[in-house]
Amino acid sequence: MKKSIFTLALATFVIGSSITSCKPNTEKVQDAQENVDSAKVAVTVAENDLDQAKRVATAEEWQAFKDETNAKINENNAKIDELKLKLNKTGKNIDKTYQVSIDAMEQKNRDLKIKMDSYKNDVNSDWKSFKREFNHDMDELGQSLKDFTVNNKN
């Protein structure tokens, strides 16, 4: 008797849990729709983040950056001209090596000027990336000029 009651209870439990665990098709469709909606929201958020990362510099910000970098470029030109004058006065054999270095720095300065002039401040350009890269290149050139004058003081 105990065995038959236990078997009946077990069968009832198995049948009941299988019936309640199955979702109707409408619930499955509703869950799938919710997943699609949440994925759409995630895509929209990602697009907004990308747009914010690629934002265009304001006119004032762009002009200030351009003025600042043009001043640095002119300052670098003055330092390069000063190095050329010093180089012409020394008359040593090592001058050819220094001349090559000075010419390379002068070309790098010209390239930075061209890069600044050719940058288009529009929606398709990445302002933050351009600014970071340009400042890095400008600082690198400034450090090269500084190191060159330190190493060549007689």
Protein backbone atom coordinates (compact mmCIF):
# COMPACT_ATOMS: atom_id res chain seq x y z
CA MET A 1 0.00 0.00 0.00
CA LYS A 2 2.79 2.42 0.91
CA LYS A 3 4.48 1.54 -2.35
CA SER A 4 1.44 2.37 -4.46
CA ILE A 5 0.83 5.68 -2.64
CA PHE A 6 4.48 6.63 -3.10
CA THR A 7 4.35 5.72 -6.81
CA LEU A 8 1.12 7.69 -7.28
CA ALA A 9 2.59 10.73 -5.46
CA LEU A 10 5.78 10.55 -7.51
CA ALA A 11 3.85 10.29 -10.78
CA THR A 12 1.64 13.23 -9.80
CA PHE A 13 4.69 15.31 -8.92
CA VAL A 14 6.47 14.53 -12.22
CA ILE A 15 3.37 15.25 -14.33
CA GLY A 16 2.58 18.42 -12.40
CA SER A 17 6.09 19.83 -12.62
CA SER A 18 6.34 19.08 -16.35
CA ILE A 19 3.02 20.81 -17.04
CA THR A 20 3.88 23.90 -15.00
CA SER A 21 7.42 24.19 -16.34
CA CYS A 22 6.33 24.37 -19.97
CA LYS A 23 5.65 27.89 -21.15
CA PRO A 24 2.96 28.58 -23.64
CA ASN A 25 4.09 29.89 -27.02
CA THR A 26 2.81 33.38 -26.25
CA GLU A 27 5.18 33.63 -23.28
CA LYS A 28 8.12 32.44 -25.40
CA VAL A 29 7.33 35.01 -28.05
CA GLN A 30 6.99 37.70 -25.39
CA ASP A 31 10.39 36.76 -23.89
CA ALA A 32 12.00 36.81 -27.32
CA GLN A 33 10.49 40.25 -28.03
CA GLU A 34 11.85 41.56 -24.72
CA ASN A 35 15.32 40.25 -25.63
CA VAL A 36 15.14 41.96 -29.03
CA ASP A 37 14.01 45.21 -27.42
CA SER A 38 16.87 45.14 -24.90
CA ALA A 39 19.35 44.42 -27.71
CA LYS A 40 18.01 47.41 -29.67
CA VAL A 41 18.48 49.61 -26.62
CA ALA A 42 22.05 48.34 -26.22
CA VAL A 43 22.81 49.13 -29.87
CA THR A 44 21.37 52.63 -29.51
CA VAL A 45 23.49 53.27 -26.41
CA ALA A 46 26.60 52.01 -28.22
CA GLU A 47 25.89 54.28 -31.20
CA ASN A 48 25.46 57.26 -28.88
CA ASP A 49 28.77 56.47 -27.19
CA LEU A 50 30.49 56.29 -30.56
CA ASP A 51 28.97 59.60 -31.63
CA GLN A 52 30.12 61.20 -28.41
CA ALA A 53 33.64 59.83 -28.90
CA LYS A 54 33.73 61.19 -32.44
CA ARG A 55 32.28 64.55 -31.53
CA VAL A 56 33.34 67.58 -33.46
CA ALA A 57 35.31 70.24 -31.69
CA THR A 58 33.47 73.47 -31.16
CA ALA A 59 34.61 76.41 -33.26
CA GLU A 60 36.21 78.13 -30.24
CA GLU A 61 37.96 74.95 -29.11
CA TRP A 62 39.27 74.28 -32.62
CA GLN A 63 40.50 77.86 -33.09
CA ALA A 64 42.24 77.87 -29.70
CA PHE A 65 43.95 74.56 -30.47
CA LYS A 66 44.97 75.77 -33.93
CA ASP A 67 46.37 79.06 -32.56
CA GLU A 68 48.28 77.23 -29.82
CA THR A 69 49.82 74.70 -32.21
CA ASN A 70 50.70 77.36 -34.79
CA ALA A 71 52.53 79.24 -32.03
CA LYS A 72 54.44 76.06 -31.11
CA ILE A 73 55.29 75.41 -34.75
CA ASN A 74 56.62 78.97 -35.12
CA GLU A 75 58.61 78.56 -31.91
CA ASN A 76 60.09 75.31 -33.27
CA ASN A 77 61.00 77.10 -36.51
CA ALA A 78 62.82 79.76 -34.50
CA LYS A 79 64.75 77.09 -32.55
CA ILE A 80 65.66 75.29 -35.78
CA ASP A 81 66.89 78.56 -37.35
CA GLU A 82 68.95 79.23 -34.22
CA LEU A 83 70.48 75.75 -34.46
CA LYS A 84 71.35 76.34 -38.11
CA LEU A 85 73.11 79.60 -37.23
CA LYS A 86 75.12 77.92 -34.48
CA LEU A 87 75.97 75.09 -36.83
CA ASN A 88 77.30 77.48 -39.48
CA LYS A 89 79.51 79.26 -36.93
CA THR A 90 81.28 76.16 -35.57
CA GLY A 91 82.78 74.80 -38.80
CA LYS A 92 83.47 71.31 -37.38
CA ASN A 93 83.41 67.99 -39.28
CA ILE A 94 80.63 66.73 -37.09
CA ASP A 95 78.40 69.43 -38.57
CA LYS A 96 77.15 67.11 -41.33
CA THR A 97 75.66 64.73 -38.77
CA TYR A 98 74.03 67.63 -36.96
CA GLN A 99 72.78 69.05 -40.24
CA VAL A 100 71.00 65.78 -41.02
CA SER A 101 69.35 65.83 -37.58
CA ILE A 102 68.33 69.47 -37.96
CA ASP A 103 66.90 68.80 -41.42
CA ALA A 104 64.88 65.86 -40.05
CA MET A 105 63.45 68.02 -37.27
CA GLU A 106 62.66 70.79 -39.74
CA GLN A 107 60.81 68.30 -41.98
CA LYS A 108 58.89 66.94 -38.98
CA ASN A 109 57.85 70.50 -38.10
CA ARG A 110 56.67 71.09 -41.67
CA ASP A 111 54.75 67.81 -41.63
CA LEU A 112 53.00 68.85 -38.42
CA LYS A 113 52.03 72.17 -40.03
CA ILE A 114 50.61 70.34 -43.05
CA LYS A 115 48.77 67.90 -40.80
CA MET A 116 47.21 70.80 -38.88
CA ASP A 117 46.21 72.65 -42.04
CA SER A 118 44.72 69.56 -43.70
CA TYR A 119 42.61 68.42 -40.72
CA LYS A 120 38.90 68.69 -41.41
CA ASN A 121 36.90 69.39 -38.27
CA ASP A 122 33.74 67.50 -39.25
CA VAL A 123 31.54 64.65 -38.08
CA ASN A 124 33.60 61.98 -39.84
CA SER A 125 36.80 62.91 -38.02
CA ASP A 126 37.76 61.83 -34.52
CA TRP A 127 38.69 65.09 -32.76
CA LYS A 128 39.94 63.58 -29.50
CA SER A 129 42.15 61.07 -31.27
CA PHE A 130 43.57 63.71 -33.62
CA LYS A 131 44.28 66.10 -30.74
CA ARG A 132 45.97 63.40 -28.63
CA GLU A 133 48.12 62.17 -31.54
CA PHE A 134 49.02 65.67 -32.71
CA ASN A 135 50.01 66.80 -29.20
CA HIS A 136 52.13 63.67 -28.79
CA ASP A 137 53.97 64.36 -32.06
CA MET A 138 54.41 68.03 -31.15
CA ASP A 139 55.78 67.18 -27.69
CA GLU A 140 58.13 64.61 -29.24
CA LEU A 141 59.53 67.21 -31.64
CA GLY A 142 59.85 69.77 -28.84
CA GLN A 143 61.76 67.25 -26.73
CA SER A 144 64.05 66.43 -29.68
CA LEU A 145 64.84 70.12 -30.13
CA LYS A 146 65.44 70.53 -26.41
CA ASP A 147 67.71 67.48 -26.25
CA PHE A 148 69.60 68.59 -29.34
CA THR A 149 70.42 71.99 -27.87
CA VAL A 150 71.44 70.45 -24.54
CA ASN A 151 73.77 67.94 -26.19
CA ASN A 152 75.40 70.57 -28.45
CA LYS A 153 76.25 73.33 -26.00
CA ASN A 154 79.96 73.97 -26.26
